[in-house]
Amino acid sequence: MPIRMTRSRTLGGSMAHGIAWMLLFKVVDRAVGFVSVIVLARLLVPADFGLIALAMSAIALLDALGAFGLETALIQRADARREHFDAVWSFNVANGALTGAVGIAIAWWVAAFYGDERLVAVMFVLSIARIVRGFENVGVVAFRKEMEFDREFRYLVAKRLTTTVLVTLPLAFVLHNYWALLIGTLAGTSIGVALSYAMHPFRPRLSFAGIGPLLHFSKWLYLTSLIEFAHGRVADVMVGRWTGAAAVGSLAMARELARFPTQELSAPVNRAVFPGYVKLAGDRGGLRRGYLKVTSALLLMILPAGVGLSLLAEPVTRALIGEKWLAAIPLIQVLSINGIMGVLLGTAYHVNLAVGMSRSTTMVLAIKIAIALPLMFWTIPEYGAQGAVLSMFVALLATMPLNWLLLRRAIEFGWSEVTHILWRPLAGTVAMSAAVFATRYAWPTPAGLFEQVAYLAMLVTGGALVYAVVVYLLWKPQSDPESAEAWALAQGRRALAAAGARFAQRR
């Protein structure tokens, strides 16, 4: 085994420690990403983003054909040894080389399919980046497996900052076209590979000796990756084919903005708690308690954030990314709600995966795409990108009951427990929505950029204040020390105390 835990910490403490580090990473990552998206949206046009999205869909399809989820298998396997890590690295190198080579070979066909010869060069660069990514040091997986999230935090932040700040944004100011995104992708991938070796001592060797057991676990993860590709990328392909790169660019931008308040927050949490879920798989009561705590904390944050973004899609678009992106407004409105449901399904998926129910969850994903795809063929020719997001919304809504049935079978929880963690965030969100609606009705979006930013800041601050007050007043009579609200208050007090201590030291 390449690395062992060096800290003595309870499992619950390790999960909380991991969540804290991964949330901190996501705050830093999203702050950088938020600024970069705004800057790039101002410097580039929707067609630039669409061009990259179309080529990345082709690369993603090739990637999905070799995506066996072997890193997840490493985390799930309690007795993973060096031979298993070597096998995963060797597979990644071979898969990356094959994917990149095929990507280069089909570049002209992709360009002809979409009627845009620029895609040849785009496919070439992205294919080279894919070859490079295959050499990433598999040792960094041990950061998650051994729950050493402070080390993973440093690795991920270093990769993000060097890529965005040193490469992509400066190139966007100089080039003002899609080549800034392309070169940034290639440079970022290369930097990430170099950092993976600089920040972890494991040195992989070419060997496939330990691949068999990992592939046996991953067969359902492989099918899941294909289905997730179909659900996530087929929309880009169909929209690009019928309506062009600009529409794909609007869809990509809407998807990026809609991820900020929901999935970008939940992803690091799921990343941190999954190893803990695996260790709790034999203790269904402990797993149920862990799941409910994590989900209640997520609901407290993502429910108002997702609904709020949906309500404020128009002022957000005008103030942050500009008038040329107005076509993204209805897409953001739907995708923000999709994001809330996606987060809830994602938390359930990780629990089901931890207890070995990968086959059942894959079947539910297959049902979801079986609903979404026919709807897309019907709605996209008529409604473009809006038809795509509405089709995904309907498919998510239709399969939610199936996902919850699987989760109930995995951890045996009751609907009363769901109601207990849901009702206060839901009541606060309703109150927030009413306040935002009333304010927008009385005061429409102003015209100037400065006025739009001030207007948006006022709406966000006022809505957040209404939500926080309502939730606090509903929680206060019980003051449950195990609730997400108690955890949030404790974190707030801790942050204020740390800030006060730092201020006193400077004085």
Protein backbone atom coordinates (compact mmCIF):
# COMPACT_ATOMS: atom_id res chain seq x y z
CA MET A 1 0.00 0.00 0.00
CA PRO A 2 1.57 3.32 -1.01
CA ILE A 3 0.45 5.40 1.94
CA ARG A 4 -1.14 4.92 5.34
CA MET A 5 -3.12 7.15 7.63
CA THR A 6 -0.81 9.18 9.82
CA ARG A 7 -3.44 10.87 12.01
CA SER A 8 -5.39 9.32 14.86
CA ARG A 9 -8.99 10.43 14.40
CA THR A 10 -12.40 8.86 14.79
CA LEU A 11 -14.27 8.01 11.62
CA GLY A 12 -16.88 10.67 12.26
CA GLY A 13 -14.15 13.20 12.95
CA SER A 14 -12.35 12.20 9.77
CA MET A 15 -15.51 12.70 7.72
CA ALA A 16 -16.13 16.11 9.28
CA HIS A 17 -12.46 17.00 8.77
CA GLY A 18 -12.70 15.94 5.13
CA ILE A 19 -15.89 17.91 4.54
CA ALA A 20 -14.28 21.03 6.01
CA TRP A 21 -11.19 20.75 3.79
CA MET A 22 -13.17 19.94 0.65
CA LEU A 23 -15.60 22.80 1.29
CA LEU A 24 -12.65 25.13 1.81
CA PHE A 25 -11.21 23.94 -1.48
CA LYS A 26 -14.52 24.50 -3.22
CA VAL A 27 -14.79 28.02 -1.81
CA VAL A 28 -11.33 28.84 -3.19
CA ASP A 29 -11.94 26.93 -6.43
CA ARG A 30 -15.34 28.51 -7.05
CA ALA A 31 -14.11 31.99 -6.18
CA VAL A 32 -11.40 31.61 -8.81
CA GLY A 33 -13.82 29.89 -11.19
CA PHE A 34 -16.52 32.51 -10.67
CA VAL A 35 -14.15 35.34 -11.50
CA SER A 36 -12.75 33.47 -14.50
CA VAL A 37 -16.21 32.66 -15.89
CA ILE A 38 -17.27 36.32 -15.63
CA VAL A 39 -14.05 37.55 -17.25
CA LEU A 40 -14.15 34.94 -20.03
CA ALA A 41 -17.85 35.59 -20.69
CA ARG A 42 -17.09 39.29 -21.13
CA LEU A 43 -14.08 38.67 -23.40
CA LEU A 44 -15.44 35.81 -25.52
CA VAL A 45 -18.73 35.11 -27.30
CA PRO A 46 -21.16 32.18 -26.92
CA ALA A 47 -19.88 30.56 -30.12
CA ASP A 48 -16.37 30.30 -28.60
CA PHE A 49 -17.68 28.37 -25.61
CA GLY A 50 -19.91 26.30 -27.87
CA LEU A 51 -17.02 25.29 -30.10
CA ILE A 52 -15.05 23.96 -27.13
CA ALA A 53 -18.15 22.23 -25.72
CA LEU A 54 -18.80 20.41 -29.01
CA ALA A 55 -15.25 19.08 -29.21
CA MET A 56 -15.23 18.16 -25.53
CA SER A 57 -18.43 16.16 -26.06
CA ALA A 58 -16.64 14.06 -28.67
CA ILE A 59 -13.63 13.55 -26.36
CA ALA A 60 -15.96 12.79 -23.45
CA LEU A 61 -17.66 10.05 -25.47
CA LEU A 62 -14.31 8.41 -26.15
CA ASP A 63 -13.39 8.89 -22.49
CA ALA A 64 -16.61 7.26 -21.35
CA LEU A 65 -15.79 4.16 -23.39
CA GLY A 66 -12.78 3.60 -21.12
CA ALA A 67 -14.10 5.06 -17.86
CA PHE A 68 -14.22 2.04 -15.56
CA GLY A 69 -14.17 4.04 -12.31
CA LEU A 70 -10.98 2.35 -11.16
CA GLU A 71 -10.10 5.17 -8.75
CA THR A 72 -13.41 4.59 -6.98
CA ALA A 73 -12.63 0.88 -6.89
CA LEU A 74 -9.30 1.67 -5.20
CA ILE A 75 -11.08 3.67 -2.51
CA GLN A 76 -13.74 1.01 -2.03
CA ARG A 77 -11.20 -1.84 -1.79
CA ALA A 78 -9.99 -2.06 1.82
CA ASP A 79 -6.88 -4.17 0.99
CA ALA A 80 -5.63 -2.14 -1.99
CA ARG A 81 -1.90 -2.74 -2.47
CA ARG A 82 0.82 -1.32 -4.69
CA GLU A 83 -0.02 -3.71 -7.51
CA HIS A 84 -3.56 -2.28 -7.63
CA PHE A 85 -2.29 1.31 -7.78
CA ASP A 86 0.20 0.38 -10.51
CA ALA A 87 -2.53 -1.34 -12.49
CA VAL A 88 -4.80 1.72 -12.34
CA TRP A 89 -1.99 4.03 -13.47
CA SER A 90 -1.04 1.69 -16.31
CA PHE A 91 -4.65 1.47 -17.42
CA ASN A 92 -5.00 5.26 -17.31
CA VAL A 93 -1.86 5.73 -19.45
CA ALA A 94 -3.04 3.21 -22.04
CA ASN A 95 -6.60 4.53 -22.05
CA GLY A 96 -5.42 8.13 -22.38
CA ALA A 97 -3.14 7.29 -25.29
CA LEU A 98 -5.89 5.37 -27.09
CA THR A 99 -8.52 8.05 -26.46
CA GLY A 100 -6.22 10.80 -27.66
CA ALA A 101 -5.21 8.89 -30.78
CA VAL A 102 -8.82 8.20 -31.74
CA GLY A 103 -9.71 11.82 -31.02
CA ILE A 104 -7.07 12.99 -33.50
CA ALA A 105 -8.20 10.42 -36.06
CA ILE A 106 -11.85 11.54 -35.99
CA ALA A 107 -11.14 15.27 -35.87
CA TRP A 108 -12.05 15.82 -39.55
CA TRP A 109 -15.23 13.78 -39.21
CA VAL A 110 -16.34 15.82 -36.17
CA ALA A 111 -15.68 19.05 -38.08
CA ALA A 112 -17.71 17.80 -41.04
CA PHE A 113 -20.56 16.62 -38.77
CA TYR A 114 -21.01 20.10 -37.29
CA GLY A 115 -19.99 21.98 -40.44
CA ASP A 116 -17.15 23.91 -38.76
CA GLU A 117 -13.55 23.31 -39.87
CA ARG A 118 -12.18 25.02 -36.75
CA LEU A 119 -13.07 21.87 -34.84
CA VAL A 120 -10.13 20.02 -36.40
CA ALA A 121 -7.58 22.09 -34.48
CA VAL A 122 -9.74 22.07 -31.36
CA MET A 123 -9.96 18.27 -31.42
CA PHE A 124 -6.19 18.00 -31.91
CA VAL A 125 -5.38 20.09 -28.84
CA LEU A 126 -7.96 18.45 -26.60
CA SER A 127 -6.79 14.99 -27.71
CA ILE A 128 -3.20 15.83 -26.78
CA ALA A 129 -4.42 17.08 -23.40
CA ARG A 130 -6.20 13.77 -22.89
CA ILE A 131 -3.01 11.82 -23.60
CA VAL A 132 -1.12 13.93 -21.07
CA ARG A 133 -3.83 13.52 -18.39
CA GLY A 134 -3.43 9.75 -18.50
CA PHE A 135 0.02 10.08 -16.87
CA GLU A 136 -1.31 11.70 -13.69
CA ASN A 137 0.18 10.12 -10.55
CA VAL A 138 -2.38 7.64 -9.20
CA GLY A 139 -0.88 8.15 -5.75
CA VAL A 140 -3.06 11.23 -5.24
CA VAL A 141 -6.06 8.87 -4.95
CA ALA A 142 -4.61 7.86 -1.58
CA PHE A 143 -5.35 11.37 -0.29
CA ARG A 144 -9.05 10.48 -0.42
CA LYS A 145 -8.70 6.80 0.44
CA GLU A 146 -6.81 7.59 3.64
CA MET A 147 -8.94 10.71 4.28
CA GLU A 148 -5.94 13.06 4.24
CA PHE A 149 -7.95 15.89 2.77
CA ASP A 150 -5.60 18.68 3.83
CA ARG A 151 -3.02 17.27 1.43
CA GLU A 152 -5.61 16.90 -1.33
CA PHE A 153 -6.67 20.50 -0.68
CA ARG A 154 -3.15 21.77 -1.32
CA TYR A 155 -2.88 19.69 -4.49
CA LEU A 156 -6.22 20.78 -5.96
CA VAL A 157 -5.79 24.46 -5.09
CA ALA A 158 -2.29 24.59 -6.54
CA LYS A 159 -3.55 23.02 -9.77
CA ARG A 160 -6.50 25.40 -10.02
CA LEU A 161 -4.61 28.60 -9.31
CA THR A 162 -1.66 27.93 -11.59
CA THR A 163 -3.93 26.94 -14.48
CA THR A 164 -6.45 29.77 -14.29
CA VAL A 165 -4.40 32.69 -12.97
CA LEU A 166 -1.15 32.00 -14.83
CA VAL A 167 -2.47 30.69 -18.15
CA THR A 168 -6.14 30.92 -19.13
CA LEU A 169 -7.07 34.45 -18.01
CA PRO A 170 -3.93 36.15 -19.36
CA LEU A 171 -4.42 34.37 -22.70
CA ALA A 172 -8.06 35.50 -22.83
CA PHE A 173 -6.99 39.13 -22.49
CA VAL A 174 -4.41 38.70 -25.25
CA LEU A 175 -6.23 36.44 -27.75
CA HIS A 176 -9.94 37.22 -27.25
CA ASN A 177 -10.99 33.91 -28.80
CA TYR A 178 -11.43 30.19 -28.10
CA TRP A 179 -7.69 29.52 -28.31
CA ALA A 180 -7.37 30.93 -24.78
CA LEU A 181 -9.62 28.13 -23.52
CA LEU A 182 -7.80 25.52 -25.59
CA ILE A 183 -4.28 26.44 -24.56
CA GLY A 184 -5.45 26.87 -20.98
CA THR A 185 -6.86 23.34 -21.00
CA LEU A 186 -3.64 21.81 -22.32
CA ALA A 187 -1.43 23.84 -19.98
CA GLY A 188 -3.68 23.12 -17.00
CA THR A 189 -3.59 19.39 -17.68
CA SER A 190 0.20 19.41 -17.94
CA ILE A 191 0.54 21.42 -14.74
CA GLY A 192 -1.82 19.05 -12.93
CA VAL A 193 0.23 16.01 -13.95
CA ALA A 194 3.47 17.65 -12.81
CA LEU A 195 1.94 18.64 -9.48
CA SER A 196 0.63 15.11 -8.87
CA TYR A 197 4.23 13.84 -8.84
CA ALA A 198 5.59 16.81 -6.92
CA MET A 199 3.00 16.49 -4.13
CA HIS A 200 2.86 12.71 -3.66
CA PRO A 201 5.90 10.40 -3.29
CA PHE A 202 4.30 7.37 -4.94
CA ARG A 203 6.03 6.46 -8.22
CA PRO A 204 3.91 4.13 -10.35
CA ARG A 205 5.28 1.31 -12.45
CA LEU A 206 3.88 -0.14 -15.66
CA SER A 207 1.99 -3.26 -14.60
CA PHE A 208 -1.49 -4.69 -15.12
CA ALA A 209 -1.11 -7.49 -12.54
CA GLY A 210 -3.76 -6.13 -10.14
CA ILE A 211 -6.36 -5.00 -12.67
CA GLY A 212 -8.70 -8.02 -12.47
CA PRO A 213 -10.30 -7.49 -9.03
CA LEU A 214 -10.74 -3.77 -9.70
CA LEU A 215 -12.46 -4.36 -13.04
CA HIS A 216 -14.80 -6.86 -11.39
CA PHE A 217 -16.02 -4.16 -8.99
CA SER A 218 -16.07 -1.46 -11.67
CA LYS A 219 -18.20 -3.12 -14.33
CA TRP A 220 -21.34 -1.36 -13.16
CA LEU A 221 -19.47 1.91 -12.68
CA TYR A 222 -18.42 1.61 -16.32
CA LEU A 223 -21.99 1.29 -17.48
CA THR A 224 -22.90 4.19 -15.20
CA SER A 225 -20.25 6.40 -16.82
CA LEU A 226 -21.66 5.64 -20.27
CA ILE A 227 -25.16 6.50 -19.12
CA GLU A 228 -23.99 9.70 -17.42
CA PHE A 229 -22.24 10.71 -20.64
CA ALA A 230 -25.46 10.13 -22.56
CA HIS A 231 -27.37 12.25 -20.07
CA GLY A 232 -24.80 15.02 -19.76
CA ARG A 233 -23.32 15.33 -23.24
CA VAL A 234 -25.86 14.11 -25.76
CA ALA A 235 -27.74 17.38 -25.26
CA ASP A 236 -24.66 19.30 -26.49
CA VAL A 237 -24.36 17.07 -29.53
CA MET A 238 -28.03 17.38 -30.48
CA VAL A 239 -28.24 21.12 -29.82
CA GLY A 240 -25.03 21.68 -31.78
CA ARG A 241 -26.27 19.62 -34.70
CA TRP A 242 -29.65 21.35 -34.94
CA THR A 243 -29.03 24.90 -33.70
CA GLY A 244 -25.28 25.62 -33.88
CA ALA A 245 -22.31 26.43 -31.66
CA ALA A 246 -23.77 29.65 -30.20
CA ALA A 247 -26.71 27.76 -28.67
CA VAL A 248 -24.32 25.15 -27.26
CA GLY A 249 -22.28 28.00 -25.79
CA SER A 250 -25.34 29.42 -24.05
CA LEU A 251 -26.16 25.97 -22.71
CA ALA A 252 -22.59 25.49 -21.47
CA MET A 253 -22.58 28.89 -19.76
CA ALA A 254 -25.99 28.26 -18.16
CA ARG A 255 -24.80 24.87 -16.94
CA GLU A 256 -21.66 26.45 -15.48
CA LEU A 257 -23.54 29.18 -13.61
CA ALA A 258 -26.25 26.79 -12.40
CA ARG A 259 -23.60 24.51 -10.89
CA PHE A 260 -22.20 27.22 -8.59
CA PRO A 261 -24.87 27.18 -5.84
CA THR A 262 -25.70 23.47 -5.93
CA GLN A 263 -23.49 20.81 -7.48
CA GLU A 264 -20.25 22.69 -6.93
CA LEU A 265 -21.07 22.79 -3.24
CA SER A 266 -22.16 19.16 -2.98
CA ALA A 267 -19.34 17.62 -5.04
CA PRO A 268 -16.57 18.22 -2.47
CA VAL A 269 -18.86 17.02 0.32
CA ASN A 270 -19.59 13.74 -1.49
CA ARG A 271 -15.90 13.44 -2.34
CA ALA A 272 -15.03 13.75 1.34
CA VAL A 273 -17.72 11.52 2.86
CA PHE A 274 -17.66 8.61 0.39
CA PRO A 275 -14.62 6.91 2.02
CA GLY A 276 -16.42 7.27 5.36
CA TYR A 277 -19.59 5.78 3.91
CA VAL A 278 -17.55 2.81 2.70
CA LYS A 279 -16.17 2.25 6.21
CA LEU A 280 -19.71 2.49 7.65
CA ALA A 281 -21.22 0.07 5.14
CA GLY A 282 -21.43 -2.67 7.78
CA ASP A 283 -23.17 -0.38 10.26
CA ARG A 284 -26.43 0.62 8.57
CA GLY A 285 -27.58 2.66 11.57
CA GLY A 286 -24.36 4.67 11.58
CA LEU A 287 -24.54 5.05 7.81
CA ARG A 288 -28.12 6.32 8.05
CA ARG A 289 -27.16 8.90 10.68
CA GLY A 290 -24.17 10.01 8.63
CA TYR A 291 -26.24 10.35 5.48
CA LEU A 292 -28.98 12.35 7.19
CA LYS A 293 -26.45 14.73 8.76
CA VAL A 294 -24.71 15.33 5.45
CA THR A 295 -27.96 15.74 3.53
CA SER A 296 -29.46 18.12 6.10
CA ALA A 297 -26.38 20.35 5.92
CA LEU A 298 -26.53 20.34 2.12
CA LEU A 299 -30.25 21.12 2.07
CA LEU A 300 -29.70 24.06 4.38
CA MET A 301 -27.42 25.60 1.74
CA ILE A 302 -28.41 24.36 -1.69
CA LEU A 303 -32.18 24.72 -1.46
CA PRO A 304 -32.22 28.52 -1.05
CA ALA A 305 -29.19 28.94 -3.31
CA GLY A 306 -30.66 26.95 -6.21
CA VAL A 307 -34.12 28.47 -5.96
CA GLY A 308 -32.60 31.92 -5.52
CA LEU A 309 -30.52 31.61 -8.68
CA SER A 310 -33.56 30.45 -10.62
CA LEU A 311 -35.51 33.51 -9.44
CA LEU A 312 -32.62 35.88 -10.15
CA ALA A 313 -31.43 34.39 -13.46
CA GLU A 314 -32.21 37.57 -15.40
CA PRO A 315 -30.38 40.12 -13.15
CA VAL A 316 -27.53 37.63 -12.64
CA THR A 317 -27.05 37.31 -16.40
CA ARG A 318 -27.24 41.03 -17.10
CA ALA A 319 -24.99 42.07 -14.23
CA LEU A 320 -22.33 39.38 -14.40
CA ILE A 321 -21.89 38.13 -17.97
CA GLY A 322 -23.61 40.74 -20.12
CA GLU A 323 -26.37 41.25 -22.66
CA LYS A 324 -24.90 38.86 -25.25
CA TRP A 325 -25.80 35.95 -22.95
CA LEU A 326 -29.53 36.69 -22.56
CA ALA A 327 -30.39 33.41 -24.31
CA ALA A 328 -28.98 31.62 -21.24
CA ILE A 329 -31.61 33.07 -18.85
CA PRO A 330 -34.38 30.44 -19.30
CA LEU A 331 -31.74 27.70 -19.27
CA ILE A 332 -30.36 28.91 -15.93
CA GLN A 333 -33.86 29.03 -14.47
CA VAL A 334 -34.47 25.34 -15.18
CA LEU A 335 -30.93 24.06 -14.59
CA SER A 336 -30.81 25.64 -11.13
CA ILE A 337 -33.78 23.52 -10.05
CA ASN A 338 -32.25 20.51 -11.82
CA GLY A 339 -29.16 21.12 -9.73
CA ILE A 340 -31.06 20.83 -6.45
CA MET A 341 -32.56 17.49 -7.49
CA GLY A 342 -29.19 16.35 -8.81
CA VAL A 343 -27.55 17.04 -5.45
CA LEU A 344 -30.16 14.98 -3.60
CA LEU A 345 -29.74 12.12 -6.05
CA GLY A 346 -25.96 12.39 -5.81
CA THR A 347 -25.94 11.99 -2.03
CA ALA A 348 -28.19 8.95 -2.33
CA TYR A 349 -26.00 7.51 -5.11
CA HIS A 350 -22.87 7.59 -2.95
CA VAL A 351 -24.63 5.75 -0.12
CA ASN A 352 -25.94 3.10 -2.50
CA LEU A 353 -22.50 2.71 -4.03
CA ALA A 354 -20.88 2.34 -0.60
CA VAL A 355 -23.13 -0.60 0.30
CA GLY A 356 -22.54 -2.34 -3.03
CA MET A 357 -25.79 -1.47 -4.81
CA SER A 358 -24.05 -0.24 -7.96
CA ARG A 359 -26.14 -2.42 -10.26
CA SER A 360 -29.46 -1.02 -9.05
CA THR A 361 -28.33 2.60 -9.23
CA THR A 362 -27.03 2.02 -12.75
CA MET A 363 -30.42 0.67 -13.79
CA VAL A 364 -32.13 3.79 -12.45
CA LEU A 365 -29.72 5.98 -14.41
CA ALA A 366 -30.52 3.93 -17.51
CA ILE A 367 -34.21 4.57 -16.98
CA LYS A 368 -33.50 8.29 -16.65
CA ILE A 369 -31.70 8.49 -19.98
CA ALA A 370 -34.36 6.28 -21.58
CA ILE A 371 -36.86 8.99 -20.65
CA ALA A 372 -34.67 12.00 -21.50
CA LEU A 373 -33.39 10.94 -24.94
CA PRO A 374 -36.73 10.50 -26.72
CA LEU A 375 -37.92 13.77 -25.22
CA MET A 376 -34.80 15.53 -26.55
CA PHE A 377 -35.40 14.22 -30.08
CA TRP A 378 -38.86 15.73 -29.88
CA THR A 379 -38.13 19.03 -28.09
CA ILE A 380 -34.69 20.16 -29.34
CA PRO A 381 -35.63 20.62 -33.04
CA GLU A 382 -38.58 22.73 -31.90
CA TYR A 383 -37.23 24.56 -28.84
CA GLY A 384 -33.44 24.26 -29.08
CA ALA A 385 -31.45 24.28 -25.84
CA GLN A 386 -34.59 24.99 -23.80
CA GLY A 387 -36.02 21.69 -25.00
CA ALA A 388 -32.88 19.90 -23.84
CA VAL A 389 -32.97 21.23 -20.27
CA LEU A 390 -36.70 20.63 -19.94
CA SER A 391 -36.23 17.03 -21.08
CA MET A 392 -33.55 16.51 -18.43
CA PHE A 393 -35.81 18.07 -15.80
CA VAL A 394 -38.67 15.70 -16.64
CA ALA A 395 -36.34 12.67 -16.55
CA LEU A 396 -34.92 13.68 -13.16
CA LEU A 397 -38.38 14.21 -11.73
CA ALA A 398 -39.64 10.87 -13.04
CA THR A 399 -36.76 8.83 -11.56
CA MET A 400 -36.51 10.48 -8.14
CA PRO A 401 -38.99 8.03 -6.53
CA LEU A 402 -36.90 5.08 -7.75
CA ASN A 403 -33.71 6.54 -6.27
CA TRP A 404 -35.39 7.12 -2.93
CA LEU A 405 -36.75 3.56 -2.87
CA LEU A 406 -33.20 2.26 -3.36
CA LEU A 407 -31.90 4.51 -0.61
CA ARG A 408 -34.60 3.35 1.80
CA ARG A 409 -33.57 -0.23 1.09
CA ALA A 410 -29.91 0.64 1.69
CA ILE A 411 -30.23 2.45 5.04
CA GLU A 412 -33.82 1.79 6.13
CA PHE A 413 -34.85 5.36 6.88
CA GLY A 414 -38.39 6.70 7.14
CA TRP A 415 -40.12 9.63 5.50
CA SER A 416 -40.48 11.28 8.92
CA GLU A 417 -36.69 11.64 9.01
CA VAL A 418 -36.70 13.27 5.59
CA THR A 419 -39.45 15.67 6.67
CA HIS A 420 -37.48 16.50 9.81
CA ILE A 421 -34.44 17.72 7.87
CA LEU A 422 -36.41 19.31 5.01
CA TRP A 423 -39.21 21.40 6.47
CA ARG A 424 -37.23 24.32 7.92
CA PRO A 425 -35.07 24.93 4.79
CA LEU A 426 -38.22 24.60 2.68
CA ALA A 427 -40.16 27.11 4.79
CA GLY A 428 -37.23 29.53 4.71
CA THR A 429 -36.93 29.17 0.95
CA VAL A 430 -40.64 29.91 0.46
CA ALA A 431 -40.33 33.06 2.60
CA MET A 432 -37.20 34.11 0.70
CA SER A 433 -38.92 33.56 -2.65
CA ALA A 434 -41.90 35.69 -1.59
CA ALA A 435 -39.58 38.52 -0.54
CA VAL A 436 -37.63 38.36 -3.81
CA PHE A 437 -40.83 38.25 -5.89
CA ALA A 438 -42.25 41.27 -4.07
CA THR A 439 -39.03 43.26 -4.46
CA ARG A 440 -38.70 42.50 -8.16
CA TYR A 441 -42.33 43.35 -8.79
CA ALA A 442 -41.93 46.74 -7.12
CA TRP A 443 -38.46 47.43 -8.57
CA PRO A 444 -37.60 45.95 -12.00
CA THR A 445 -34.02 45.41 -13.13
CA PRO A 446 -32.30 48.78 -13.86
CA ALA A 447 -30.40 49.55 -17.07
CA GLY A 448 -26.82 50.52 -16.13
CA LEU A 449 -24.15 47.96 -15.22
CA PHE A 450 -23.33 49.56 -11.86
CA GLU A 451 -27.03 49.78 -11.00
CA GLN A 452 -27.53 46.15 -12.04
CA VAL A 453 -24.71 44.95 -9.79
CA ALA A 454 -26.05 46.97 -6.85
CA TYR A 455 -29.58 45.69 -7.53
CA LEU A 456 -28.39 42.09 -7.61
CA ALA A 457 -26.37 42.53 -4.41
CA MET A 458 -29.43 43.99 -2.67
CA LEU A 459 -31.67 41.12 -3.77
CA VAL A 460 -29.15 38.45 -2.74
CA THR A 461 -28.46 40.06 0.64
CA GLY A 462 -32.13 40.66 1.39
CA GLY A 463 -33.17 37.15 0.32
CA ALA A 464 -30.39 35.54 2.36
CA LEU A 465 -31.35 37.58 5.42
CA VAL A 466 -35.03 36.60 5.16
CA TYR A 467 -34.08 32.94 4.75
CA ALA A 468 -31.66 32.95 7.70
CA VAL A 469 -34.11 34.68 10.05
CA VAL A 470 -37.02 32.37 9.19
CA VAL A 471 -34.94 29.20 9.56
CA TYR A 472 -33.45 30.43 12.85
CA LEU A 473 -36.87 31.30 14.31
CA LEU A 474 -38.19 27.87 13.36
CA TRP A 475 -35.13 26.10 14.78
CA LYS A 476 -34.74 28.09 18.01
CA PRO A 477 -37.62 26.51 20.02
CA GLN A 478 -35.98 23.08 19.65
CA SER A 479 -32.30 24.11 19.43
CA ASP A 480 -31.38 20.57 18.43
CA PRO A 481 -27.58 20.32 18.94
CA GLU A 482 -27.37 17.58 16.29
CA SER A 483 -29.11 19.62 13.58
CA ALA A 484 -27.51 21.25 10.55
CA GLU A 485 -28.56 24.64 11.90
CA ALA A 486 -26.57 24.05 15.09
CA TRP A 487 -23.58 23.02 13.02
CA ALA A 488 -23.86 26.16 10.86
CA LEU A 489 -24.11 28.42 13.91
CA ALA A 490 -21.08 26.74 15.46
CA GLN A 491 -19.07 27.23 12.30
CA GLY A 492 -20.13 30.87 12.14
CA ARG A 493 -19.10 31.50 15.75
CA ARG A 494 -15.79 29.75 15.14
CA ALA A 495 -15.10 31.88 12.06
CA LEU A 496 -15.96 35.10 13.93
CA ALA A 497 -13.75 34.10 16.85
CA ALA A 498 -10.84 33.34 14.52
CA ALA A 499 -11.30 36.65 12.71
CA GLY A 500 -11.48 38.51 16.02
CA ALA A 501 -8.31 36.85 17.29
CA ARG A 502 -6.45 37.66 14.10
CA PHE A 503 -7.59 41.28 14.25
CA ALA A 504 -6.45 41.57 17.89
CA GLN A 505 -3.02 40.15 16.99
CA ARG A 506 -2.56 42.72 14.21
CA ARG A 507 -3.41 45.53 16.59
